[in-house]
Amino acid sequence: MNRLFLGLLDQNFLSKLRLIAIPIALQNLINVGIKAADTVMLGLVGEVQLSAAAVANQLSFTYMIIIFCASA
């Protein structure tokens, strides 16, 4: 077997990965929930406001991807 693959099966590695992955997943879940609630509330106001929120969400997502790539 490949050394890299065997390293991924290591329980110590998996426990460290869970320690990092769970808070990141929760942060993204909260972020998506807030943006979804914002979109639902603005959908009741009007189309222009809803499209503005959609553009802002796209810019926010792009910024988050750039920051994530820069930190890696």
Protein backbone atom coordinates (compact mmCIF):
# COMPACT_ATOMS: atom_id res chain seq x y z
CA MET A 1 0.00 0.00 0.00
CA ASN A 2 0.95 3.59 -0.46
CA ARG A 3 2.61 5.35 2.48
CA LEU A 4 0.28 8.34 2.22
CA PHE A 5 -2.78 6.12 2.32
CA LEU A 6 -1.47 4.28 5.38
CA GLY A 7 -0.88 7.63 7.07
CA LEU A 8 -4.52 8.57 6.54
CA LEU A 9 -5.62 5.42 8.36
CA ASP A 10 -3.63 6.36 11.47
CA GLN A 11 -6.00 6.93 14.41
CA ASN A 12 -3.87 9.74 15.81
CA PHE A 13 -4.12 11.58 12.51
CA LEU A 14 -7.87 11.04 12.31
CA SER A 15 -8.42 12.34 15.84
CA LYS A 16 -6.40 15.48 15.04
CA LEU A 17 -8.32 15.89 11.80
CA ARG A 18 -11.65 15.69 13.63
CA LEU A 19 -10.42 18.25 16.14
CA ILE A 20 -9.89 20.72 13.31
CA ALA A 21 -12.70 19.71 10.93
CA ILE A 22 -15.64 19.87 13.34
CA PRO A 23 -15.27 23.58 14.27
CA ILE A 24 -14.70 24.52 10.63
CA ALA A 25 -17.81 22.61 9.57
CA LEU A 26 -19.88 24.25 12.32
CA GLN A 27 -18.61 27.70 11.33
CA ASN A 28 -19.59 27.09 7.71
CA LEU A 29 -22.98 25.73 8.76
CA ILE A 30 -23.69 28.86 10.82
CA ASN A 31 -22.50 31.06 7.96
CA VAL A 32 -24.77 29.33 5.44
CA GLY A 33 -27.72 29.44 7.86
CA ILE A 34 -27.36 33.19 8.38
CA LYS A 35 -27.10 33.84 4.65
CA ALA A 36 -30.15 31.65 3.98
CA ALA A 37 -32.19 33.45 6.64
CA ASP A 38 -31.09 36.79 5.19
CA THR A 39 -32.19 35.69 1.72
CA VAL A 40 -35.60 34.54 2.99
CA MET A 41 -36.21 37.82 4.83
CA LEU A 42 -35.14 39.92 1.86
CA GLY A 43 -37.32 37.83 -0.45
CA LEU A 44 -40.31 39.31 1.33
CA VAL A 45 -39.10 42.87 0.68
CA GLY A 46 -38.39 42.89 -3.05
CA GLU A 47 -36.44 41.56 -5.99
CA VAL A 48 -33.81 44.30 -6.07
CA GLN A 49 -32.93 43.81 -2.42
CA LEU A 50 -32.83 40.05 -2.89
CA SER A 51 -30.47 40.30 -5.86
CA ALA A 52 -28.23 42.69 -3.92
CA ALA A 53 -27.99 40.17 -1.09
CA ALA A 54 -27.17 37.41 -3.59
CA VAL A 55 -24.33 39.47 -5.06
CA ALA A 56 -23.01 40.25 -1.57
CA ASN A 57 -23.13 36.54 -0.69
CA GLN A 58 -21.13 35.70 -3.82
CA LEU A 59 -18.51 38.29 -2.98
CA SER A 60 -18.33 37.02 0.59
CA PHE A 61 -17.89 33.44 -0.64
CA THR A 62 -15.15 34.50 -3.08
CA TYR A 63 -13.34 36.40 -0.32
CA MET A 64 -13.54 33.37 1.98
CA ILE A 65 -12.10 31.10 -0.72
CA ILE A 66 -9.23 33.51 -1.40
CA ILE A 67 -8.40 33.77 2.31
CA PHE A 68 -8.56 29.99 2.68
CA CYS A 69 -6.22 29.47 -0.29
CA ALA A 70 -3.80 32.12 0.93
CA SER A 71 -3.56 30.55 4.38
CA ALA A 72 -2.90 27.03 3.02
